[in-house]
């Protein structure tokens, strides 16, 4: 829904009163801009959520939409905190420093400082550990929620392997992996799909020169689109076998396949 400025300004004005403790509506231009962004953010959240209360109304005012969005933002914070607490007990960083810092330090600080009313559009964190899903359009709690959902899927997948196995794969990929900014699942998937191409048991994490030659030969025999399809099937088989036909996990991991295929096509030894 598109709202005219005359519908939005009274909401911002009332928000400014709350911000100053009902003492004044005189605030800086920067703060007024921040409050306008807060209002628009809540309206967008309400539009995306399309709650029953909103859908039941034929013409929803900007204030009604803003208030519905504010409630939706509060609900998202509760849901995201619940998800964080569900992941926490079994969470493993595999000694990747940026993942440790993001999960154990950054995210608790987000929940501590996130301002639902006056700055819900602020993400606060840089989220240095990269996930496989692109989250460029997300902001605020929407981004944190989407990010944590990715972390949850990754942890579910990684837990199917012994911690020592994952760390060994990471070390073989990069001896300085603790300071790496690579995604753990992508590194592991590249190793696993390499094993598939080399027809080598997963129980042997180290690939030999002969294995790399076989990977190079089989990759060279396929055009990139064909290799992509081959790897997608391999990932599907891995997920089905180890994670019980988890569609959401398969769709998530599949987003790394194109990059892995390019790297396997250019593999050297």
Foldseek 3Di string as FASTA:
>chain_A
DDDDVVLQVVVLQVLCCVVVVVPDSDDDPVQSVQQSVLLVQLLVQLVVVVDPVNVVDPDAGSVNSSVSSLVVLVVLLVVLVVLLVVCPPQDDPLLQVLVCCCNVPVVVVCNVPQDSNRHQQAQPDPSQQDFLDDDVVHGHSRSSSVVSVRSVLVSLVVVLDPSVLLNVLQCVVPVVSSPDSHHSLLSVLLQVVLCVQLVHDSVDSDDDPSSLVSLQVVLVVDDLVVQLVVSLVVLQVVCCVRPPRDPVSSVRSSSSSSVSSVCSNVDDD
